[in-house]
């Protein structure tokens, strides 16, 4: 008999620099499976260049989110609430 482990990854944070276009747009996600933390950054919208950083704790991951936002242009908007509401509608 095989056992299957289902890994649930939750978006813990989502930010956008409120800029449009391939050269200006920046997006940042903070995701976790409850054990590991990942920060993903994207330049240029859908299909743009992505980077990701893995962390073992939330404090280090959030420090990376802060560094990414401080080094990118724009006025950052927190979209975390909107993402969670969208997930609730899809699941429930």
PDB file of N, CA and C in Angstrom:
ATOM      1  N   UNK A   1       0.838  -1.179   0.000  1.00  0.00           N
ATOM      2  CA  UNK A   1       0.000   0.000   0.000  1.00  0.00           C
ATOM      3  C   UNK A   1       0.884   1.244   0.000  1.00  0.00           C
ATOM      4  N   UNK A   2       0.525   2.198  -0.803  1.00  0.00           N
ATOM      5  CA  UNK A   2       1.273   3.463  -0.893  1.00  0.00           C
ATOM      6  C   UNK A   2       0.594   4.523  -0.044  1.00  0.00           C
ATOM      7  N   UNK A   3       1.410   5.359   0.538  1.00  0.00           N
ATOM      8  CA  UNK A   3       0.828   6.506   1.234  1.00  0.00           C
ATOM      9  C   UNK A   3       1.154   7.754   0.419  1.00  0.00           C
ATOM     10  N   UNK A   4       0.185   8.614   0.309  1.00  0.00           N
ATOM     11  CA  UNK A   4       0.346   9.841  -0.459  1.00  0.00           C
ATOM     12  C   UNK A   4       0.265  11.016   0.503  1.00  0.00           C
ATOM     13  N   UNK A   5       1.273  11.855   0.440  1.00  0.00           N
ATOM     14  CA  UNK A   5       1.275  13.050   1.279  1.00  0.00           C
ATOM     15  C   UNK A   5       0.876  14.237   0.416  1.00  0.00           C
ATOM     16  N   UNK A   6      -0.169  14.914   0.814  1.00  0.00           N
ATOM     17  CA  UNK A   6      -0.639  16.088   0.086  1.00  0.00           C
ATOM     18  C   UNK A   6      -0.029  17.318   0.742  1.00  0.00           C
ATOM     19  N   UNK A   7       0.658  18.098  -0.057  1.00  0.00           N
ATOM     20  CA  UNK A   7       1.300  19.302   0.430  1.00  0.00           C
ATOM     21  C   UNK A   7       0.428  20.504   0.083  1.00  0.00           C
ATOM     22  N   UNK A   8      -0.020  21.221   1.090  1.00  0.00           N
ATOM     23  CA  UNK A   8      -0.858  22.391   0.882  1.00  0.00           C
ATOM     24  C   UNK A   8       0.002  23.634   1.063  1.00  0.00           C
ATOM     25  N   UNK A   9       0.083  24.432   0.018  1.00  0.00           N
ATOM     26  CA  UNK A   9       0.844  25.668   0.062  1.00  0.00           C
ATOM     27  C   UNK A   9      -0.147  26.822   0.112  1.00  0.00           C
ATOM     28  N   UNK A  10       0.057  27.702   1.071  1.00  0.00           N
ATOM     29  CA  UNK A  10      -0.849  28.829   1.265  1.00  0.00           C
ATOM     30  C   UNK A  10      -0.130  30.142   0.978  1.00  0.00           C
ATOM     31  N   UNK A  11      -0.811  31.039   0.284  1.00  0.00           N
ATOM     32  CA  UNK A  11      -0.275  32.370   0.060  1.00  0.00           C
ATOM     33  C   UNK A  11      -0.416  33.147   1.360  1.00  0.00           C
ATOM     34  N   UNK A  12       0.703  33.532   1.941  1.00  0.00           N
ATOM     35  CA  UNK A  12       0.700  34.274   3.204  1.00  0.00           C
ATOM     36  C   UNK A  12       0.833  35.773   2.977  1.00  0.00           C
ATOM     37  N   UNK A  13       1.266  36.168   1.783  1.00  0.00           N
ATOM     38  CA  UNK A  13       1.393  37.578   1.457  1.00  0.00           C
ATOM     39  C   UNK A  13       1.513  37.751  -0.050  1.00  0.00           C
ATOM     40  N   UNK A  14       0.992  38.885  -0.543  1.00  0.00           N
ATOM     41  CA  UNK A  14       1.019  39.156  -1.987  1.00  0.00           C
ATOM     42  C   UNK A  14       1.073  40.669  -2.159  1.00  0.00           C
ATOM     43  N   UNK A  15       2.069  41.155  -2.915  1.00  0.00           N
ATOM     44  CA  UNK A  15       2.247  42.582  -3.106  1.00  0.00           C
ATOM     45  C   UNK A  15       2.502  42.896  -4.576  1.00  0.00           C
ATOM     46  N   UNK A  16       2.146  44.119  -4.987  1.00  0.00           N
ATOM     47  CA  UNK A  16       2.316  44.594  -6.361  1.00  0.00           C
ATOM     48  C   UNK A  16       2.736  46.053  -6.287  1.00  0.00           C
ATOM     49  N   UNK A  17       3.661  46.464  -7.157  1.00  0.00           N
ATOM     50  CA  UNK A  17       4.174  47.836  -7.090  1.00  0.00           C
ATOM     51  C   UNK A  17       3.296  48.862  -7.815  1.00  0.00           C
ATOM     52  N   UNK A  18       2.118  48.463  -8.243  1.00  0.00           N
ATOM     53  CA  UNK A  18       1.131  49.339  -8.887  1.00  0.00           C
ATOM     54  C   UNK A  18       1.630  49.954 -10.187  1.00  0.00           C
ATOM     55  N   UNK A  19       2.577  49.300 -10.827  1.00  0.00           N
ATOM     56  CA  UNK A  19       3.069  49.749 -12.128  1.00  0.00           C
ATOM     57  C   UNK A  19       2.669  48.732 -13.184  1.00  0.00           C
ATOM     58  N   UNK A  20       2.448  49.219 -14.398  1.00  0.00           N
ATOM     59  CA  UNK A  20       2.054  48.355 -15.506  1.00  0.00           C
ATOM     60  C   UNK A  20       3.191  48.265 -16.514  1.00  0.00           C
ATOM     61  N   UNK A  21       3.206  47.205 -17.249  1.00  0.00           N
ATOM     62  CA  UNK A  21       4.167  47.071 -18.338  1.00  0.00           C
ATOM     63  C   UNK A  21       5.327  46.162 -18.006  1.00  0.00           C
ATOM     64  N   UNK A  22       5.934  45.662 -19.065  1.00  0.00           N
ATOM     65  CA  UNK A  22       7.010  44.675 -18.919  1.00  0.00           C
ATOM     66  C   UNK A  22       8.233  45.215 -18.195  1.00  0.00           C
ATOM     67  N   UNK A  23       8.511  46.474 -18.314  1.00  0.00           N
ATOM     68  CA  UNK A  23       9.721  47.029 -17.717  1.00  0.00           C
ATOM     69  C   UNK A  23       9.510  47.511 -16.277  1.00  0.00           C
ATOM     70  N   UNK A  24       8.285  47.830 -15.906  1.00  0.00           N
ATOM     71  CA  UNK A  24       8.057  48.480 -14.623  1.00  0.00           C
ATOM     72  C   UNK A  24       7.374  47.604 -13.571  1.00  0.00           C
ATOM     73  N   UNK A  25       6.545  46.668 -13.990  1.00  0.00           N
ATOM     74  CA  UNK A  25       5.761  45.890 -13.033  1.00  0.00           C
ATOM     75  C   UNK A  25       6.628  44.960 -12.198  1.00  0.00           C
ATOM     76  N   UNK A  26       6.317  44.900 -10.893  1.00  0.00           N
ATOM     77  CA  UNK A  26       6.960  43.983  -9.960  1.00  0.00           C
ATOM     78  C   UNK A  26       5.871  43.339  -9.107  1.00  0.00           C
ATOM     79  N   UNK A  27       6.033  42.045  -8.842  1.00  0.00           N
ATOM     80  CA  UNK A  27       5.115  41.300  -7.975  1.00  0.00           C
ATOM     81  C   UNK A  27       5.938  40.488  -6.993  1.00  0.00           C
ATOM     82  N   UNK A  28       5.438  40.363  -5.750  1.00  0.00           N
ATOM     83  CA  UNK A  28       6.109  39.573  -4.721  1.00  0.00           C
ATOM     84  C   UNK A  28       5.066  38.716  -4.019  1.00  0.00           C
ATOM     85  N   UNK A  29       5.400  37.435  -3.805  1.00  0.00           N
ATOM     86  CA  UNK A  29       4.548  36.497  -3.076  1.00  0.00           C
ATOM     87  C   UNK A  29       5.321  35.909  -1.916  1.00  0.00           C
ATOM     88  N   UNK A  30       4.629  35.699  -0.812  1.00  0.00           N
ATOM     89  CA  UNK A  30       5.159  34.951   0.321  1.00  0.00           C
ATOM     90  C   UNK A  30       4.256  33.738   0.482  1.00  0.00           C
ATOM     91  N   UNK A  31       4.808  32.543   0.325  1.00  0.00           N
ATOM     92  CA  UNK A  31       4.009  31.321   0.427  1.00  0.00           C
ATOM     93  C   UNK A  31       4.656  30.369   1.429  1.00  0.00           C
ATOM     94  N   UNK A  32       3.823  29.517   2.024  1.00  0.00           N
ATOM     95  CA  UNK A  32       4.335  28.552   3.000  1.00  0.00           C
ATOM     96  C   UNK A  32       3.454  27.314   3.026  1.00  0.00           C
ATOM     97  N   UNK A  33       4.096  26.195   3.322  1.00  0.00           N
ATOM     98  CA  UNK A  33       3.362  24.954   3.535  1.00  0.00           C
ATOM     99  C   UNK A  33       3.223  24.666   5.031  1.00  0.00           C
ATOM    100  N   UNK A  34       3.565  25.664   5.862  1.00  0.00           N
ATOM    101  CA  UNK A  34       3.502  25.502   7.299  1.00  0.00           C
ATOM    102  C   UNK A  34       4.834  25.100   7.901  1.00  0.00           C
ATOM    103  N   UNK A  35       5.744  24.655   7.068  1.00  0.00           N
ATOM    104  CA  UNK A  35       7.061  24.226   7.505  1.00  0.00           C
ATOM    105  C   UNK A  35       8.160  25.041   6.825  1.00  0.00           C
ATOM    106  N   UNK A  36       8.055  25.166   5.522  1.00  0.00           N
ATOM    107  CA  UNK A  36       9.012  25.920   4.728  1.00  0.00           C
ATOM    108  C   UNK A  36       8.363  27.184   4.176  1.00  0.00           C
ATOM    109  N   UNK A  37       9.175  28.189   3.956  1.00  0.00           N
ATOM    110  CA  UNK A  37       8.703  29.487   3.466  1.00  0.00           C
ATOM    111  C   UNK A  37       9.416  29.806   2.161  1.00  0.00           C
ATOM    112  N   UNK A  38       8.693  30.383   1.216  1.00  0.00           N
ATOM    113  CA  UNK A  38       9.282  30.773  -0.058  1.00  0.00           C
ATOM    114  C   UNK A  38       8.839  32.182  -0.420  1.00  0.00           C
ATOM    115  N   UNK A  39       9.792  32.984  -0.872  1.00  0.00           N
ATOM    116  CA  UNK A  39       9.508  34.320  -1.380  1.00  0.00           C
ATOM    117  C   UNK A  39       9.766  34.262  -2.879  1.00  0.00           C
ATOM    118  N   UNK A  40       8.753  34.663  -3.655  1.00  0.00           N
ATOM    119  CA  UNK A  40       8.877  34.702  -5.116  1.00  0.00           C
ATOM    120  C   UNK A  40       8.722  36.136  -5.581  1.00  0.00           C
ATOM    121  N   UNK A  41       9.573  36.534  -6.482  1.00  0.00           N
ATOM    122  CA  UNK A  41       9.483  37.856  -7.073  1.00  0.00           C
ATOM    123  C   UNK A  41       9.423  37.733  -8.582  1.00  0.00           C
ATOM    124  N   UNK A  42       8.637  38.621  -9.202  1.00  0.00           N
ATOM    125  CA  UNK A  42       8.530  38.577 -10.661  1.00  0.00           C
ATOM    126  C   UNK A  42       8.647  39.990 -11.229  1.00  0.00           C
ATOM    127  N   UNK A  43       9.406  40.098 -12.293  1.00  0.00           N
ATOM    128  CA  UNK A  43       9.600  41.336 -13.028  1.00  0.00           C
ATOM    129  C   UNK A  43       8.872  41.214 -14.351  1.00  0.00           C
ATOM    130  N   UNK A  44       7.936  42.133 -14.613  1.00  0.00           N
ATOM    131  CA  UNK A  44       7.331  42.195 -15.932  1.00  0.00           C
ATOM    132  C   UNK A  44       5.992  41.533 -16.123  1.00  0.00           C
ATOM    133  N   UNK A  45       5.277  41.177 -15.086  1.00  0.00           N
ATOM    134  CA  UNK A  45       3.946  40.593 -15.255  1.00  0.00           C
ATOM    135  C   UNK A  45       3.993  39.150 -15.724  1.00  0.00           C
ATOM    136  N   UNK A  46       2.855  38.647 -16.212  1.00  0.00           N
ATOM    137  CA  UNK A  46       2.765  37.260 -16.673  1.00  0.00           C
ATOM    138  C   UNK A  46       3.864  36.966 -17.676  1.00  0.00           C
ATOM    139  N   UNK A  47       4.538  35.872 -17.471  1.00  0.00           N
ATOM    140  CA  UNK A  47       5.610  35.485 -18.377  1.00  0.00           C
ATOM    141  C   UNK A  47       6.915  36.217 -18.133  1.00  0.00           C
ATOM    142  N   UNK A  48       6.965  37.042 -17.108  1.00  0.00           N
ATOM    143  CA  UNK A  48       8.175  37.801 -16.810  1.00  0.00           C
ATOM    144  C   UNK A  48       9.224  36.960 -16.100  1.00  0.00           C
ATOM    145  N   UNK A  49      10.327  37.561 -15.819  1.00  0.00           N
ATOM    146  CA  UNK A  49      11.438  36.895 -15.149  1.00  0.00           C
ATOM    147  C   UNK A  49      11.116  36.706 -13.671  1.00  0.00           C
ATOM    148  N   UNK A  50      11.329  35.487 -13.161  1.00  0.00           N
ATOM    149  CA  UNK A  50      11.032  35.183 -11.759  1.00  0.00           C
ATOM    150  C   UNK A  50      12.272  34.743 -11.005  1.00  0.00           C
ATOM    151  N   UNK A  51      12.276  35.067  -9.713  1.00  0.00           N
ATOM    152  CA  UNK A  51      13.284  34.573  -8.784  1.00  0.00           C
ATOM    153  C   UNK A  51      12.547  34.011  -7.585  1.00  0.00           C
ATOM    154  N   UNK A  52      13.175  33.069  -6.875  1.00  0.00           N
ATOM    155  CA  UNK A  52      12.574  32.565  -5.640  1.00  0.00           C
ATOM    156  C   UNK A  52      13.674  32.295  -4.623  1.00  0.00           C
ATOM    157  N   UNK A  53      13.315  32.472  -3.372  1.00  0.00           N
ATOM    158  CA  UNK A  53      14.233  32.271  -2.255  1.00  0.00           C
ATOM    159  C   UNK A  53      13.507  31.415  -1.216  1.00  0.00           C
ATOM    160  N   UNK A  54      14.156  30.383  -0.726  1.00  0.00           N
ATOM    161  CA  UNK A  54      13.569  29.478   0.267  1.00  0.00           C
ATOM    162  C   UNK A  54      14.142  29.770   1.646  1.00  0.00           C
ATOM    163  N   UNK A  55      13.262  29.676   2.657  1.00  0.00           N
ATOM    164  CA  UNK A  55      13.640  29.962   4.035  1.00  0.00           C
ATOM    165  C   UNK A  55      13.016  28.925   4.968  1.00  0.00           C
ATOM    166  N   UNK A  56      13.638  28.752   6.120  1.00  0.00           N
ATOM    167  CA  UNK A  56      13.108  27.810   7.100  1.00  0.00           C
ATOM    168  C   UNK A  56      12.236  28.496   8.144  1.00  0.00           C
ATOM    169  N   UNK A  57      12.195  29.855   8.122  1.00  0.00           N
ATOM    170  CA  UNK A  57      11.372  30.563   9.110  1.00  0.00           C
ATOM    171  C   UNK A  57      10.727  31.802   8.490  1.00  0.00           C
ATOM    172  N   UNK A  58       9.626  32.203   9.087  1.00  0.00           N
ATOM    173  CA  UNK A  58       8.846  33.332   8.574  1.00  0.00           C
ATOM    174  C   UNK A  58       9.584  34.663   8.691  1.00  0.00           C
ATOM    175  N   UNK A  59      10.317  34.868   9.777  1.00  0.00           N
ATOM    176  CA  UNK A  59      11.006  36.140   9.992  1.00  0.00           C
ATOM    177  C   UNK A  59      12.008  36.410   8.865  1.00  0.00           C
ATOM    178  N   UNK A  60      12.797  35.414   8.506  1.00  0.00           N
ATOM    179  CA  UNK A  60      13.775  35.573   7.428  1.00  0.00           C
ATOM    180  C   UNK A  60      13.086  35.798   6.084  1.00  0.00           C
ATOM    181  N   UNK A  61      11.995  35.098   5.857  1.00  0.00           N
ATOM    182  CA  UNK A  61      11.256  35.248   4.605  1.00  0.00           C
ATOM    183  C   UNK A  61      10.677  36.655   4.495  1.00  0.00           C
ATOM    184  N   UNK A  62      10.094  37.154   5.561  1.00  0.00           N
ATOM    185  CA  UNK A  62       9.520  38.508   5.525  1.00  0.00           C
ATOM    186  C   UNK A  62      10.606  39.579   5.385  1.00  0.00           C
ATOM    187  N   UNK A  63      11.782  39.329   5.923  1.00  0.00           N
ATOM    188  CA  UNK A  63      12.901  40.258   5.745  1.00  0.00           C
ATOM    189  C   UNK A  63      13.271  40.337   4.261  1.00  0.00           C
ATOM    190  N   UNK A  64      13.230  39.211   3.559  1.00  0.00           N
ATOM    191  CA  UNK A  64      13.513  39.211   2.120  1.00  0.00           C
ATOM    192  C   UNK A  64      12.426  39.963   1.351  1.00  0.00           C
ATOM    193  N   UNK A  65      11.171  39.775   1.744  1.00  0.00           N
ATOM    194  CA  UNK A  65      10.079  40.531   1.109  1.00  0.00           C
ATOM    195  C   UNK A  65      10.347  42.026   1.249  1.00  0.00           C
ATOM    196  N   UNK A  66      10.702  42.464   2.452  1.00  0.00           N
ATOM    197  CA  UNK A  66      10.989  43.882   2.684  1.00  0.00           C
ATOM    198  C   UNK A  66      12.144  44.366   1.817  1.00  0.00           C
ATOM    199  N   UNK A  67      13.222  43.567   1.719  1.00  0.00           N
ATOM    200  CA  UNK A  67      14.369  43.958   0.891  1.00  0.00           C
ATOM    201  C   UNK A  67      13.972  44.079  -0.577  1.00  0.00           C
ATOM    202  N   UNK A  68      13.172  43.129  -1.046  1.00  0.00           N
ATOM    203  CA  UNK A  68      12.760  43.166  -2.454  1.00  0.00           C
ATOM    204  C   UNK A  68      11.929  44.407  -2.752  1.00  0.00           C
ATOM    205  N   UNK A  69      11.036  44.762  -1.846  1.00  0.00           N
ATOM    206  CA  UNK A  69      10.197  45.936  -2.081  1.00  0.00           C
ATOM    207  C   UNK A  69      10.996  47.233  -1.971  1.00  0.00           C
ATOM    208  N   UNK A  70      11.951  47.294  -1.063  1.00  0.00           N
ATOM    209  CA  UNK A  70      12.748  48.514  -0.892  1.00  0.00           C
ATOM    210  C   UNK A  70      13.671  48.764  -2.080  1.00  0.00           C
ATOM    211  N   UNK A  71      14.066  47.717  -2.777  1.00  0.00           N
ATOM    212  CA  UNK A  71      14.986  47.893  -3.898  1.00  0.00           C
ATOM    213  C   UNK A  71      14.274  47.998  -5.244  1.00  0.00           C
ATOM    214  N   UNK A  72      12.964  48.040  -5.243  1.00  0.00           N
ATOM    215  CA  UNK A  72      12.184  48.166  -6.484  1.00  0.00           C
ATOM    216  C   UNK A  72      11.347  49.431  -6.451  1.00  0.00           C
ATOM    217  N   UNK A  73      11.213  50.044  -7.612  1.00  0.00           N
ATOM    218  CA  UNK A  73      10.448  51.279  -7.719  1.00  0.00           C
ATOM    219  C   UNK A  73       8.952  51.017  -7.589  1.00  0.00           C
ATOM    220  N   UNK A  74       8.235  52.042  -7.204  1.00  0.00           N
ATOM    221  CA  UNK A  74       6.784  51.957  -7.139  1.00  0.00           C
ATOM    222  C   UNK A  74       6.261  52.135  -5.731  1.00  0.00           C
ATOM    223  N   UNK A  75       4.968  52.316  -5.654  1.00  0.00           N
ATOM    224  CA  UNK A  75       4.269  52.381  -4.374  1.00  0.00           C
ATOM    225  C   UNK A  75       3.602  51.039  -4.189  1.00  0.00           C
ATOM    226  N   UNK A  76       4.089  50.268  -3.245  1.00  0.00           N
ATOM    227  CA  UNK A  76       3.641  48.888  -3.095  1.00  0.00           C
ATOM    228  C   UNK A  76       2.251  48.804  -2.497  1.00  0.00           C
ATOM    229  N   UNK A  77       1.459  47.932  -3.054  1.00  0.00           N
ATOM    230  CA  UNK A  77       0.086  47.683  -2.592  1.00  0.00           C
ATOM    231  C   UNK A  77      -0.004  46.248  -2.088  1.00  0.00           C
ATOM    232  N   UNK A  78      -0.561  46.084  -0.896  1.00  0.00           N
ATOM    233  CA  UNK A  78      -0.743  44.762  -0.304  1.00  0.00           C
ATOM    234  C   UNK A  78      -2.027  44.146  -0.843  1.00  0.00           C
ATOM    235  N   UNK A  79      -1.900  43.058  -1.574  1.00  0.00           N
ATOM    236  CA  UNK A  79      -3.047  42.358  -2.163  1.00  0.00           C
ATOM    237  C   UNK A  79      -3.412  41.088  -1.409  1.00  0.00           C
ATOM    238  N   UNK A  80      -2.828  40.875  -0.246  1.00  0.00           N
ATOM    239  CA  UNK A  80      -3.027  39.636   0.502  1.00  0.00           C
ATOM    240  C   UNK A  80      -4.501  39.377   0.795  1.00  0.00           C
ATOM    241  N   UNK A  81      -5.222  40.385   1.248  1.00  0.00           N
ATOM    242  CA  UNK A  81      -6.645  40.219   1.564  1.00  0.00           C
ATOM    243  C   UNK A  81      -7.455  39.819   0.344  1.00  0.00           C
ATOM    244  N   UNK A  82      -7.174  40.429  -0.792  1.00  0.00           N
ATOM    245  CA  UNK A  82      -7.897  40.109  -2.028  1.00  0.00           C
ATOM    246  C   UNK A  82      -7.619  38.678  -2.467  1.00  0.00           C
ATOM    247  N   UNK A  83      -6.374  38.230  -2.316  1.00  0.00           N
ATOM    248  CA  UNK A  83      -6.014  36.853  -2.687  1.00  0.00           C
ATOM    249  C   UNK A  83      -6.738  35.858  -1.781  1.00  0.00           C
ATOM    250  N   UNK A  84      -6.756  36.136  -0.503  1.00  0.00           N
ATOM    251  CA  UNK A  84      -7.434  35.219   0.437  1.00  0.00           C
ATOM    252  C   UNK A  84      -8.937  35.160   0.176  1.00  0.00           C
ATOM    253  N   UNK A  85      -9.543  36.301  -0.134  1.00  0.00           N
ATOM    254  CA  UNK A  85     -10.978  36.320  -0.431  1.00  0.00           C
ATOM    255  C   UNK A  85     -11.250  35.508  -1.697  1.00  0.00           C
ATOM    256  N   UNK A  86     -10.419  35.641  -2.692  1.00  0.00           N
ATOM    257  CA  UNK A  86     -10.573  34.874  -3.929  1.00  0.00           C
ATOM    258  C   UNK A  86     -10.434  33.379  -3.659  1.00  0.00           C
ATOM    259  N   UNK A  87      -9.468  32.996  -2.821  1.00  0.00           N
ATOM    260  CA  UNK A  87      -9.305  31.576  -2.470  1.00  0.00           C
ATOM    261  C   UNK A  87     -10.529  31.049  -1.722  1.00  0.00           C
ATOM    262  N   UNK A  88     -11.083  31.857  -0.822  1.00  0.00           N
ATOM    263  CA  UNK A  88     -12.286  31.432  -0.063  1.00  0.00           C
ATOM    264  C   UNK A  88     -13.454  31.187  -1.015  1.00  0.00           C
ATOM    265  N   UNK A  89     -13.616  32.083  -2.009  1.00  0.00           N
ATOM    266  CA  UNK A  89     -14.718  31.914  -2.966  1.00  0.00           C
ATOM    267  C   UNK A  89     -14.534  30.640  -3.803  1.00  0.00           C
ATOM    268  N   UNK A  90     -13.314  30.361  -4.180  1.00  0.00           N
ATOM    269  CA  UNK A  90     -13.051  29.167  -5.003  1.00  0.00           C
ATOM    270  C   UNK A  90     -13.267  27.880  -4.215  1.00  0.00           C
ATOM    271  N   UNK A  91     -12.915  27.890  -2.932  1.00  0.00           N
ATOM    272  CA  UNK A  91     -13.002  26.679  -2.119  1.00  0.00           C
ATOM    273  C   UNK A  91     -14.378  26.454  -1.508  1.00  0.00           C
ATOM    274  N   UNK A  92     -15.132  27.528  -1.349  1.00  0.00           N
ATOM    275  CA  UNK A  92     -16.314  27.354  -0.559  1.00  0.00           C
ATOM    276  C   UNK A  92     -17.573  27.664  -1.156  1.00  0.00           C
TER     277      UNK A  92
END
